C-alpha atoms as a PDB file:
ATOM      1  CA  MET A   1       0.000   0.000   0.000  1.00  0.00           C
ATOM      2  CA  ARG A   2       1.180   3.543  -0.714  1.00  0.00           C
ATOM      3  CA  TYR A   3       1.477   5.759   2.372  1.00  0.00           C
ATOM      4  CA  ALA A   4       2.254   9.373   3.153  1.00  0.00           C
ATOM      5  CA  ILE A   5       4.160  10.050   6.358  1.00  0.00           C
ATOM      6  CA  PHE A   6       4.376  13.510   7.898  1.00  0.00           C
ATOM      7  CA  LEU A   7       7.069  14.047  10.516  1.00  0.00           C
ATOM      8  CA  ARG A   8       6.419  16.563  13.276  1.00  0.00           C
ATOM      9  CA  GLY A   9       8.921  19.281  14.179  1.00  0.00           C
ATOM     10  CA  VAL A  10      11.935  18.308  12.078  1.00  0.00           C
ATOM     11  CA  ASN A  11      14.516  20.623  10.519  1.00  0.00           C
ATOM     12  CA  VAL A  12      13.338  23.369  12.870  1.00  0.00           C
ATOM     13  CA  GLY A  13      14.230  23.936  16.506  1.00  0.00           C
ATOM     14  CA  GLY A  14      17.441  21.917  16.372  1.00  0.00           C
ATOM     15  CA  VAL A  15      16.062  18.561  15.176  1.00  0.00           C
ATOM     16  CA  LYS A  16      17.950  17.845  11.961  1.00  0.00           C
ATOM     17  CA  VAL A  17      16.666  15.062   9.710  1.00  0.00           C
ATOM     18  CA  PRO A  18      18.387  15.304   6.310  1.00  0.00           C
ATOM     19  CA  SER A  19      16.310  13.832   3.491  1.00  0.00           C
ATOM     20  CA  ALA A  20      19.033  11.407   2.401  1.00  0.00           C
ATOM     21  CA  ASP A  21      19.388  10.044   5.938  1.00  0.00           C
ATOM     22  CA  LEU A  22      15.631   9.860   6.350  1.00  0.00           C
ATOM     23  CA  LYS A  23      15.345   7.762   3.189  1.00  0.00           C
ATOM     24  CA  LYS A  24      18.074   5.401   4.453  1.00  0.00           C
ATOM     25  CA  VAL A  25      16.397   4.913   7.843  1.00  0.00           C
ATOM     26  CA  LEU A  26      13.005   4.226   6.274  1.00  0.00           C
ATOM     27  CA  GLY A  27      14.531   1.960   3.625  1.00  0.00           C
ATOM     28  CA  ALA A  28      16.180  -0.059   6.397  1.00  0.00           C
ATOM     29  CA  LEU A  29      12.684  -0.709   7.794  1.00  0.00           C
ATOM     30  CA  GLY A  30      11.825  -2.462   4.534  1.00  0.00           C
ATOM     31  CA  LEU A  31       9.813   0.399   3.063  1.00  0.00           C
ATOM     32  CA  ALA A  32       9.961   0.576  -0.727  1.00  0.00           C
ATOM     33  CA  ASP A  33       9.976   3.511  -3.149  1.00  0.00           C
ATOM     34  CA  VAL A  34      10.732   6.014  -0.359  1.00  0.00           C
ATOM     35  CA  ARG A  35      10.430   9.593  -1.620  1.00  0.00           C
ATOM     36  CA  THR A  36      10.844  12.854   0.288  1.00  0.00           C
ATOM     37  CA  TYR A  37       9.189  16.189  -0.508  1.00  0.00           C
ATOM     38  CA  ILE A  38      10.694  19.448   0.691  1.00  0.00           C
ATOM     39  CA  ALA A  39      13.094  19.184   3.637  1.00  0.00           C
ATOM     40  CA  SER A  40      10.367  19.393   6.256  1.00  0.00           C
ATOM     41  CA  GLY A  41       9.502  15.770   6.922  1.00  0.00           C
ATOM     42  CA  ASN A  42       7.207  14.746   4.075  1.00  0.00           C
ATOM     43  CA  VAL A  43       7.588  11.187   2.812  1.00  0.00           C
ATOM     44  CA  THR A  44       5.755   8.752   0.589  1.00  0.00           C
ATOM     45  CA  CYS A  45       6.518   5.042   0.517  1.00  0.00           C
ATOM     46  CA  GLU A  46       5.192   1.559  -0.112  1.00  0.00           C
ATOM     47  CA  SER A  47       4.647  -0.931   2.712  1.00  0.00           C
ATOM     48  CA  ASP A  48       2.680  -4.094   3.393  1.00  0.00           C
ATOM     49  CA  LEU A  49       2.440  -3.286   7.108  1.00  0.00           C
ATOM     50  CA  PRO A  50      -0.895  -2.203   8.565  1.00  0.00           C
ATOM     51  CA  PRO A  51      -1.023   1.539   9.382  1.00  0.00           C
ATOM     52  CA  GLY A  52      -0.697   1.267  13.173  1.00  0.00           C
ATOM     53  CA  GLU A  53       2.262  -1.085  12.997  1.00  0.00           C
ATOM     54  CA  LEU A  54       3.946   1.041  10.337  1.00  0.00           C
ATOM     55  CA  GLN A  55       3.500   4.238  12.364  1.00  0.00           C
ATOM     56  CA  THR A  56       5.004   2.639  15.475  1.00  0.00           C
ATOM     57  CA  SER A  57       7.954   1.239  13.508  1.00  0.00           C
ATOM     58  CA  VAL A  58       8.658   4.597  11.842  1.00  0.00           C
ATOM     59  CA  GLU A  59       8.464   6.538  15.113  1.00  0.00           C
ATOM     60  CA  GLU A  60      10.793   4.105  16.874  1.00  0.00           C
ATOM     61  CA  ALA A  61      13.306   4.122  14.004  1.00  0.00           C
ATOM     62  CA  LEU A  62      13.321   7.921  13.737  1.00  0.00           C
ATOM     63  CA  SER A  63      13.652   8.370  17.503  1.00  0.00           C
ATOM     64  CA  SER A  64      16.630   6.023  17.550  1.00  0.00           C
ATOM     65  CA  ALA A  65      18.371   7.315  14.421  1.00  0.00           C
ATOM     66  CA  PHE A  66      17.942  11.043  15.050  1.00  0.00           C
ATOM     67  CA  SER A  67      17.837  11.177  18.874  1.00  0.00           C
ATOM     68  CA  TYR A  68      14.490  12.884  19.337  1.00  0.00           C
ATOM     69  CA  ASP A  69      10.974  11.920  20.411  1.00  0.00           C
ATOM     70  CA  ALA A  70       9.515  11.271  16.945  1.00  0.00           C
ATOM     71  CA  HIS A  71       5.820  11.676  16.215  1.00  0.00           C
ATOM     72  CA  VAL A  72       4.388  11.135  12.744  1.00  0.00           C
ATOM     73  CA  GLN A  73       1.012  11.286  11.063  1.00  0.00           C
ATOM     74  CA  LEU A  74       0.409   8.523   8.542  1.00  0.00           C
ATOM     75  CA  PHE A  75      -2.192   8.365   5.773  1.00  0.00           C
ATOM     76  CA  SER A  76      -2.817   5.955   2.927  1.00  0.00           C
ATOM     77  CA  ARG A  77      -2.651   7.440  -0.552  1.00  0.00           C
ATOM     78  CA  ASP A  78      -6.448   7.197  -0.843  1.00  0.00           C
ATOM     79  CA  GLU A  79      -6.948   8.930   2.512  1.00  0.00           C
ATOM     80  CA  LEU A  80      -4.586  11.718   1.412  1.00  0.00           C
ATOM     81  CA  ALA A  81      -6.442  12.152  -1.873  1.00  0.00           C
ATOM     82  CA  GLY A  82      -9.652  12.472   0.139  1.00  0.00           C
ATOM     83  CA  VAL A  83      -8.053  15.149   2.316  1.00  0.00           C
ATOM     84  CA  VAL A  84      -7.127  17.193  -0.755  1.00  0.00           C
ATOM     85  CA  GLU A  85     -10.551  16.744  -2.368  1.00  0.00           C
ATOM     86  CA  GLY A  86     -12.272  17.669   0.897  1.00  0.00           C
ATOM     87  CA  TYR A  87     -10.790  21.165   1.237  1.00  0.00           C
ATOM     88  CA  PRO A  88     -13.975  23.140   1.955  1.00  0.00           C
ATOM     89  CA  PHE A  89     -12.939  26.763   1.448  1.00  0.00           C
ATOM     90  CA  ALA A  90     -12.584  29.108  -1.517  1.00  0.00           C
ATOM     91  CA  THR A  91      -9.165  29.189  -3.144  1.00  0.00           C
ATOM     92  CA  ASP A  92      -7.526  32.459  -4.182  1.00  0.00           C
ATOM     93  CA  ASP A  93      -4.102  34.062  -4.451  1.00  0.00           C
ATOM     94  CA  ASP A  94      -4.520  36.078  -1.237  1.00  0.00           C
ATOM     95  CA  HIS A  95      -4.920  33.139   1.166  1.00  0.00           C
ATOM     96  CA  HIS A  96      -2.943  30.096   2.259  1.00  0.00           C
ATOM     97  CA  ARG A  97      -4.600  26.681   2.267  1.00  0.00           C
ATOM     98  CA  TYR A  98      -3.439  24.482   5.127  1.00  0.00           C
ATOM     99  CA  VAL A  99      -4.270  21.113   6.595  1.00  0.00           C
ATOM    100  CA  VAL A 100      -3.538  20.173  10.181  1.00  0.00           C
ATOM    101  CA  PHE A 101      -3.066  16.426  10.458  1.00  0.00           C
ATOM    102  CA  CYS A 102      -4.176  15.140  13.876  1.00  0.00           C
ATOM    103  CA  ASP A 103      -3.616  11.918  15.764  1.00  0.00           C
ATOM    104  CA  SER A 104      -7.378  11.479  16.262  1.00  0.00           C
ATOM    105  CA  GLU A 105     -10.803  12.886  15.490  1.00  0.00           C
ATOM    106  CA  ALA A 106     -10.996  14.074  19.110  1.00  0.00           C
ATOM    107  CA  THR A 107      -7.893  16.225  18.608  1.00  0.00           C
ATOM    108  CA  ALA A 108      -9.380  17.642  15.394  1.00  0.00           C
ATOM    109  CA  ARG A 109     -12.600  18.532  17.229  1.00  0.00           C
ATOM    110  CA  GLU A 110     -10.581  20.159  20.011  1.00  0.00           C
ATOM    111  CA  LEU A 111      -8.695  22.291  17.476  1.00  0.00           C
ATOM    112  CA  VAL A 112     -11.850  23.466  15.736  1.00  0.00           C
ATOM    113  CA  GLY A 113     -13.048  24.737  19.098  1.00  0.00           C
ATOM    114  CA  ARG A 114     -10.003  27.013  19.440  1.00  0.00           C
ATOM    115  CA  PRO A 115     -10.216  30.779  18.750  1.00  0.00           C
ATOM    116  CA  THR A 116      -9.933  32.059  15.185  1.00  0.00           C
ATOM    117  CA  GLY A 117      -9.541  35.517  13.718  1.00  0.00           C
ATOM    118  CA  ASP A 118     -12.037  37.316  11.508  1.00  0.00           C
ATOM    119  CA  MET A 119      -9.976  36.524   8.413  1.00  0.00           C
ATOM    120  CA  GLU A 120      -9.520  32.798   9.165  1.00  0.00           C
ATOM    121  CA  GLU A 121     -11.673  29.798   8.358  1.00  0.00           C
ATOM    122  CA  VAL A 122     -11.346  26.442  10.135  1.00  0.00           C
ATOM    123  CA  ALA A 123     -13.242  23.175   9.668  1.00  0.00           C
ATOM    124  CA  ALA A 124     -12.662  19.551  10.653  1.00  0.00           C
ATOM    125  CA  SER A 125     -13.194  16.347   8.739  1.00  0.00           C
ATOM    126  CA  GLY A 126     -12.167  13.144  10.454  1.00  0.00           C
ATOM    127  CA  ARG A 127      -8.694  13.619  11.893  1.00  0.00           C
ATOM    128  CA  THR A 128      -7.886  16.521   9.569  1.00  0.00           C
ATOM    129  CA  VAL A 129      -8.457  20.210  10.200  1.00  0.00           C
ATOM    130  CA  TYR A 130      -8.656  22.550   7.221  1.00  0.00           C
ATOM    131  CA  TRP A 131      -7.411  26.094   7.755  1.00  0.00           C
ATOM    132  CA  ARG A 132      -7.530  29.119   5.465  1.00  0.00           C
ATOM    133  CA  CYS A 133      -5.768  32.366   6.399  1.00  0.00           C
ATOM    134  CA  PRO A 134      -4.511  35.507   4.631  1.00  0.00           C
ATOM    135  CA  LYS A 135      -0.983  35.310   3.228  1.00  0.00           C
ATOM    136  CA  GLY A 136       1.514  37.042   5.455  1.00  0.00           C
ATOM    137  CA  SER A 137      -0.426  36.295   8.637  1.00  0.00           C
ATOM    138  CA  THR A 138       0.200  32.595   9.135  1.00  0.00           C
ATOM    139  CA  LEU A 139       2.253  32.884  12.326  1.00  0.00           C
ATOM    140  CA  ASP A 140       0.202  35.700  13.860  1.00  0.00           C
ATOM    141  CA  THR A 141      -3.374  34.434  13.673  1.00  0.00           C
ATOM    142  CA  PRO A 142      -5.296  33.277  16.749  1.00  0.00           C
ATOM    143  CA  PHE A 143      -5.640  29.774  15.296  1.00  0.00           C
ATOM    144  CA  SER A 144      -1.909  29.553  14.570  1.00  0.00           C
ATOM    145  CA  LYS A 145      -1.141  30.463  18.152  1.00  0.00           C
ATOM    146  CA  ALA A 146      -3.675  27.902  19.371  1.00  0.00           C
ATOM    147  CA  THR A 147      -2.013  25.137  17.335  1.00  0.00           C
ATOM    148  CA  SER A 148       1.343  26.014  18.923  1.00  0.00           C
ATOM    149  CA  ASN A 149       0.061  24.792  22.281  1.00  0.00           C
ATOM    150  CA  LYS A 150       2.677  22.459  23.762  1.00  0.00           C
ATOM    151  CA  GLN A 151       0.172  19.635  24.363  1.00  0.00           C
ATOM    152  CA  LEU A 152      -0.996  19.736  20.743  1.00  0.00           C
ATOM    153  CA  LYS A 153       2.479  19.734  19.211  1.00  0.00           C
ATOM    154  CA  VAL A 154       2.880  15.978  19.631  1.00  0.00           C
ATOM    155  CA  LYS A 155      -0.634  15.330  18.315  1.00  0.00           C
ATOM    156  CA  THR A 156      -0.602  17.471  15.164  1.00  0.00           C
ATOM    157  CA  THR A 157       1.457  18.675  12.234  1.00  0.00           C
ATOM    158  CA  THR A 158       0.512  21.348   9.701  1.00  0.00           C
ATOM    159  CA  ARG A 159       1.183  21.369   5.973  1.00  0.00           C
ATOM    160  CA  ASN A 160       0.383  23.693   3.109  1.00  0.00           C
ATOM    161  CA  LEU A 161      -2.140  21.975   0.861  1.00  0.00           C
ATOM    162  CA  ASN A 162       0.135  22.648  -2.141  1.00  0.00           C
ATOM    163  CA  THR A 163       2.724  20.275  -0.635  1.00  0.00           C
ATOM    164  CA  VAL A 164       0.100  17.632   0.138  1.00  0.00           C
ATOM    165  CA  GLU A 165      -1.209  17.753  -3.443  1.00  0.00           C
ATOM    166  CA  LYS A 166       2.281  16.927  -4.754  1.00  0.00           C
ATOM    167  CA  MET A 167       2.450  13.843  -2.562  1.00  0.00           C
ATOM    168  CA  ILE A 168      -0.575  12.077  -4.018  1.00  0.00           C
END
């Protein structure tokens, strides 16, 4: 099965995970056709392992190889295509389109309940939260600050929808 794996908090804040090394570590787990996208922890691969087992194996391997407490979000190719197709907001050149991948539907519901600004839109679907905000304001919006909560950092990771589209 084809999977997308999103690493949380790498290549920022002192956790360095070079793409070439990441591919080697994942290849050593028996994953096939490992591909990385942008140097921010985006991977696609093939594996016969069930999702839960694969996620645990990847987190353990990354924690060991790169000496950090690794947390990843894992989606099948079909799930990821559904995430892209499900984006519920208008698209224009003045706004960013983001998805926040969550460890559970409960986390997604919790996020949607967080404060947002007048210029933001937020909606949940399953364990994904869709977020639309004006360009240039990404780090300053109320929702952005809410997603930076220390407890949520290990449960979520955010990606621009443009990156996610390339990974399908």
